C-alpha atoms as a PDB file:
ATOM      1  CA  MET A   1    -132.688 -92.569  87.008  1.00  0.00           C
ATOM      2  CA  SER A   2    -135.740 -93.021  89.135  1.00  0.00           C
ATOM      3  CA  THR A   3    -136.888 -96.357  90.294  1.00  0.00           C
ATOM      4  CA  ILE A   4    -140.435 -97.502  90.239  1.00  0.00           C
ATOM      5  CA  PRO A   5    -141.461 -99.638  93.205  1.00  0.00           C
ATOM      6  CA  SER A   6    -142.065-103.220  92.135  1.00  0.00           C
ATOM      7  CA  ARG A   7    -145.729-104.178  92.099  1.00  0.00           C
ATOM      8  CA  SER A   8    -147.290-107.546  91.602  1.00  0.00           C
ATOM      9  CA  LEU A   9    -150.301-108.329  89.531  1.00  0.00           C
ATOM     10  CA  LYS A  10    -151.695-110.238  92.472  1.00  0.00           C
ATOM     11  CA  GLY A  11    -151.385-107.248  94.803  1.00  0.00           C
ATOM     12  CA  ASP A  12    -152.887-104.951  92.170  1.00  0.00           C
ATOM     13  CA  LEU A  13    -155.845-107.291  91.672  1.00  0.00           C
ATOM     14  CA  ARG A  14    -156.365-107.467  95.465  1.00  0.00           C
ATOM     15  CA  ASP A  15    -156.316-103.719  95.681  1.00  0.00           C
ATOM     16  CA  LEU A  16    -158.781-103.387  92.761  1.00  0.00           C
ATOM     17  CA  ALA A  17    -161.073-105.948  94.403  1.00  0.00           C
ATOM     18  CA  LEU A  18    -161.008-103.874  97.676  1.00  0.00           C
ATOM     19  CA  VAL A  19    -161.938-100.699  95.790  1.00  0.00           C
ATOM     20  CA  ALA A  20    -164.691-102.414  93.800  1.00  0.00           C
ATOM     21  CA  GLY A  21    -166.042-104.118  96.964  1.00  0.00           C
ATOM     22  CA  GLY A  22    -166.406-100.763  98.592  1.00  0.00           C
ATOM     23  CA  ALA A  23    -167.707 -98.990  95.519  1.00  0.00           C
ATOM     24  CA  ILE A  24    -170.716-101.272  95.003  1.00  0.00           C
ATOM     25  CA  PRO A  25    -172.447-100.510  98.385  1.00  0.00           C
ATOM     26  CA  GLY A  26    -171.328 -96.818  98.171  1.00  0.00           C
ATOM     27  CA  ALA A  27    -173.027 -96.502  94.781  1.00  0.00           C
ATOM     28  CA  LEU A  28    -176.172 -98.367  95.993  1.00  0.00           C
ATOM     29  CA  LEU A  29    -176.469 -96.059  98.991  1.00  0.00           C
ATOM     30  CA  ARG A  30    -176.049 -92.977  96.756  1.00  0.00           C
ATOM     31  CA  TRP A  31    -178.844 -94.348  94.475  1.00  0.00           C
ATOM     32  CA  GLN A  32    -181.157 -94.603  97.549  1.00  0.00           C
ATOM     33  CA  LEU A  33    -180.547 -91.184  98.902  1.00  0.00           C
ATOM     34  CA  GLU A  34    -182.827 -88.384  97.704  1.00  0.00           C
ATOM     35  CA  ALA A  35    -180.366 -85.528  97.707  1.00  0.00           C
ATOM     36  CA  ASP A  36    -176.821 -85.338  96.288  1.00  0.00           C
ATOM     37  CA  VAL A  37    -175.814 -82.889  98.965  1.00  0.00           C
ATOM     38  CA  ILE A  38    -176.721 -85.424 101.698  1.00  0.00           C
ATOM     39  CA  ALA A  39    -174.703 -88.114  99.991  1.00  0.00           C
ATOM     40  CA  ASN A  40    -171.696 -85.803  99.601  1.00  0.00           C
ATOM     41  CA  MET A  41    -171.837 -84.611 103.213  1.00  0.00           C
ATOM     42  CA  LEU A  42    -172.258 -88.159 104.596  1.00  0.00           C
ATOM     43  CA  GLY A  43    -169.347 -89.233 102.450  1.00  0.00           C
ATOM     44  CA  CYS A  44    -167.198 -86.436 103.867  1.00  0.00           C
ATOM     45  CA  LEU A  45    -168.030 -87.460 107.439  1.00  0.00           C
ATOM     46  CA  LEU A  46    -167.245 -91.138 106.693  1.00  0.00           C
ATOM     47  CA  LEU A  47    -164.034 -90.195 104.888  1.00  0.00           C
ATOM     48  CA  GLY A  48    -162.873 -88.330 107.990  1.00  0.00           C
ATOM     49  CA  LEU A  49    -163.498 -91.455 110.096  1.00  0.00           C
ATOM     50  CA  VAL A  50    -161.543 -93.553 107.590  1.00  0.00           C
ATOM     51  CA  LEU A  51    -158.649 -91.018 107.454  1.00  0.00           C
ATOM     52  CA  ALA A  52    -158.258 -91.283 111.236  1.00  0.00           C
ATOM     53  CA  GLN A  53    -157.554 -95.037 110.878  1.00  0.00           C
ATOM     54  CA  ALA A  54    -156.030 -95.294 107.384  1.00  0.00           C
ATOM     55  CA  SER A  55    -152.424 -94.278 108.092  1.00  0.00           C
ATOM     56  CA  GLN A  56    -151.742 -97.822 109.377  1.00  0.00           C
ATOM     57  CA  ARG A  57    -154.416 -99.530 107.299  1.00  0.00           C
ATOM     58  CA  LYS A  58    -153.986 -99.319 103.516  1.00  0.00           C
ATOM     59  CA  ARG A  59    -156.775-101.875 102.873  1.00  0.00           C
ATOM     60  CA  LEU A  60    -159.196 -99.782 104.907  1.00  0.00           C
ATOM     61  CA  MET A  61    -158.427 -96.770 102.759  1.00  0.00           C
ATOM     62  CA  LEU A  62    -158.918 -98.765  99.606  1.00  0.00           C
ATOM     63  CA  LEU A  63    -162.179-100.349 100.625  1.00  0.00           C
ATOM     64  CA  ALA A  64    -163.890 -97.581 102.581  1.00  0.00           C
ATOM     65  CA  GLY A  65    -162.084 -94.387 101.534  1.00  0.00           C
ATOM     66  CA  ILE A  66    -161.566 -94.800  97.815  1.00  0.00           C
ATOM     67  CA  GLY A  67    -164.192 -97.415  97.077  1.00  0.00           C
ATOM     68  CA  PHE A  68    -167.210 -96.647  99.333  1.00  0.00           C
ATOM     69  CA  CYS A  69    -166.769 -92.902  99.889  1.00  0.00           C
ATOM     70  CA  GLY A  70    -165.657 -92.421  96.328  1.00  0.00           C
ATOM     71  CA  ALA A  71    -168.756 -93.999  94.941  1.00  0.00           C
ATOM     72  CA  LEU A  72    -171.033 -92.328  97.456  1.00  0.00           C
ATOM     73  CA  THR A  73    -169.794 -88.801  96.630  1.00  0.00           C
ATOM     74  CA  THR A  74    -169.429 -87.417  93.159  1.00  0.00           C
ATOM     75  CA  PHE A  75    -167.771 -84.241  92.034  1.00  0.00           C
ATOM     76  CA  CYS A  76    -169.517 -84.348  88.605  1.00  0.00           C
ATOM     77  CA  THR A  77    -172.969 -84.397  90.101  1.00  0.00           C
ATOM     78  CA  TRP A  78    -172.114 -81.499  92.335  1.00  0.00           C
ATOM     79  CA  MET A  79    -170.925 -79.491  89.335  1.00  0.00           C
ATOM     80  CA  LEU A  80    -174.041 -80.444  87.420  1.00  0.00           C
ATOM     81  CA  ASP A  81    -176.213 -79.142  90.253  1.00  0.00           C
ATOM     82  CA  LEU A  82    -174.221 -75.853  90.250  1.00  0.00           C
ATOM     83  CA  ALA A  83    -174.502 -75.567  86.443  1.00  0.00           C
ATOM     84  CA  ARG A  84    -178.274 -76.239  86.486  1.00  0.00           C
ATOM     85  CA  ALA A  85    -178.846 -73.542  89.135  1.00  0.00           C
ATOM     86  CA  LEU A  86    -176.828 -71.026  87.061  1.00  0.00           C
ATOM     87  CA  GLN A  87    -178.733 -71.974  83.882  1.00  0.00           C
ATOM     88  CA  ALA A  88    -182.030 -71.492  85.731  1.00  0.00           C
ATOM     89  CA  GLY A  89    -180.967 -67.932  86.585  1.00  0.00           C
ATOM     90  CA  LYS A  90    -180.353 -68.677  90.224  1.00  0.00           C
ATOM     91  CA  PRO A  91    -176.818 -67.439  90.952  1.00  0.00           C
ATOM     92  CA  GLY A  92    -177.551 -67.050  94.670  1.00  0.00           C
ATOM     93  CA  GLU A  93    -178.680 -70.679  94.968  1.00  0.00           C
ATOM     94  CA  SER A  94    -175.637 -71.783  93.011  1.00  0.00           C
ATOM     95  CA  ALA A  95    -173.311 -69.773  95.285  1.00  0.00           C
ATOM     96  CA  LEU A  96    -174.974 -71.014  98.378  1.00  0.00           C
ATOM     97  CA  LEU A  97    -174.638 -74.622  97.177  1.00  0.00           C
ATOM     98  CA  LEU A  98    -170.958 -74.121  96.375  1.00  0.00           C
ATOM     99  CA  LEU A  99    -170.099 -72.481  99.678  1.00  0.00           C
ATOM    100  CA  ALA A 100    -172.210 -74.756 101.821  1.00  0.00           C
ATOM    101  CA  SER A 101    -170.794 -77.876 100.132  1.00  0.00           C
ATOM    102  CA  LEU A 102    -167.230 -76.695 100.514  1.00  0.00           C
ATOM    103  CA  ALA A 103    -167.515 -75.533 104.073  1.00  0.00           C
ATOM    104  CA  GLY A 104    -169.760 -78.378 105.132  1.00  0.00           C
ATOM    105  CA  GLY A 105    -167.503 -80.945 103.451  1.00  0.00           C
ATOM    106  CA  VAL A 106    -164.337 -79.703 105.099  1.00  0.00           C
ATOM    107  CA  ALA A 107    -166.071 -79.368 108.514  1.00  0.00           C
ATOM    108  CA  LEU A 108    -167.482 -82.905 108.298  1.00  0.00           C
ATOM    109  CA  VAL A 109    -164.161 -84.412 107.253  1.00  0.00           C
ATOM    110  CA  ALA A 110    -162.571 -82.729 110.231  1.00  0.00           C
ATOM    111  CA  LEU A 111    -165.437 -83.843 112.503  1.00  0.00           C
ATOM    112  CA  GLY A 112    -165.211 -87.444 111.279  1.00  0.00           C
ATOM    113  CA  HIS A 113    -161.390 -87.435 111.731  1.00  0.00           C
ATOM    114  CA  THR A 114    -161.770 -86.157 115.329  1.00  0.00           C
ATOM    115  CA  ILE A 115    -164.472 -88.823 116.112  1.00  0.00           C
ATOM    116  CA  GLY A 116    -162.238 -91.436 114.487  1.00  0.00           C
ATOM    117  CA  MET A 117    -159.181 -90.456 116.512  1.00  0.00           C
ATOM    118  CA  PHE A 118    -161.225 -90.383 119.691  1.00  0.00           C
ATOM    119  CA  LEU A 119    -162.616 -93.859 119.042  1.00  0.00           C
ATOM    120  CA  SER A 120    -159.172 -95.122 118.069  1.00  0.00           C
ATOM    121  CA  HIS A 121    -157.641 -93.924 121.293  1.00  0.00           C
ATOM    122  CA  ARG A 122    -160.561 -95.262 123.324  1.00  0.00           C
ATOM    123  CA  LEU A 123    -160.191 -98.703 121.776  1.00  0.00           C
ATOM    124  CA  ARG A 124    -156.452 -98.669 122.216  1.00  0.00           C
ATOM    125  CA  ASP A 125    -156.859 -97.629 125.908  1.00  0.00           C
ATOM    126  CA  ARG A 126    -159.465-100.309 126.492  1.00  0.00           C
ATOM    127  CA  ALA A 127    -157.200-102.988 125.005  1.00  0.00           C
ATOM    128  CA  ALA A 128    -154.370-101.938 127.290  1.00  0.00           C
ATOM    129  CA  ILE A 129    -156.464-102.332 130.476  1.00  0.00           C
ATOM    130  CA  PRO A 130    -155.844-105.782 131.995  1.00  0.00           C
ATOM    131  CA  LYS A 131    -159.012-107.826 132.272  1.00  0.00           C
ATOM    132  CA  LYS A 132    -160.242-108.876 135.710  1.00  0.00           C
ATOM    133  CA  GLN A 133    -160.644-112.573 136.402  1.00  0.00           C
END
């Protein structure tokens, strides 16, 4: 028999509020950007930054990772762009969008993670240095 971790309604509502609080500005930013590819790539970079910090910070992942980046980036819009290019008889454009989005997304998540880890170490090192009086 498996056990389900106990959860509280208060904790679930707090988590939901964090996701919603991040989703609203993420969706507003997406609405302001002209190109879906830019929104998706920016979201990948930001998600990498969040991932570098999120292992110890569940609330950051809920707010910024799932909420903000989730609303900023959309898989459905990406698929719609691919389908429209195919329907318009542009298989090359569709393939380029697919490959560029995948490669660019993975590369930007990795870059964001690297930057986030660097910043995390710098802040940790700076905090460890005794202050001069």
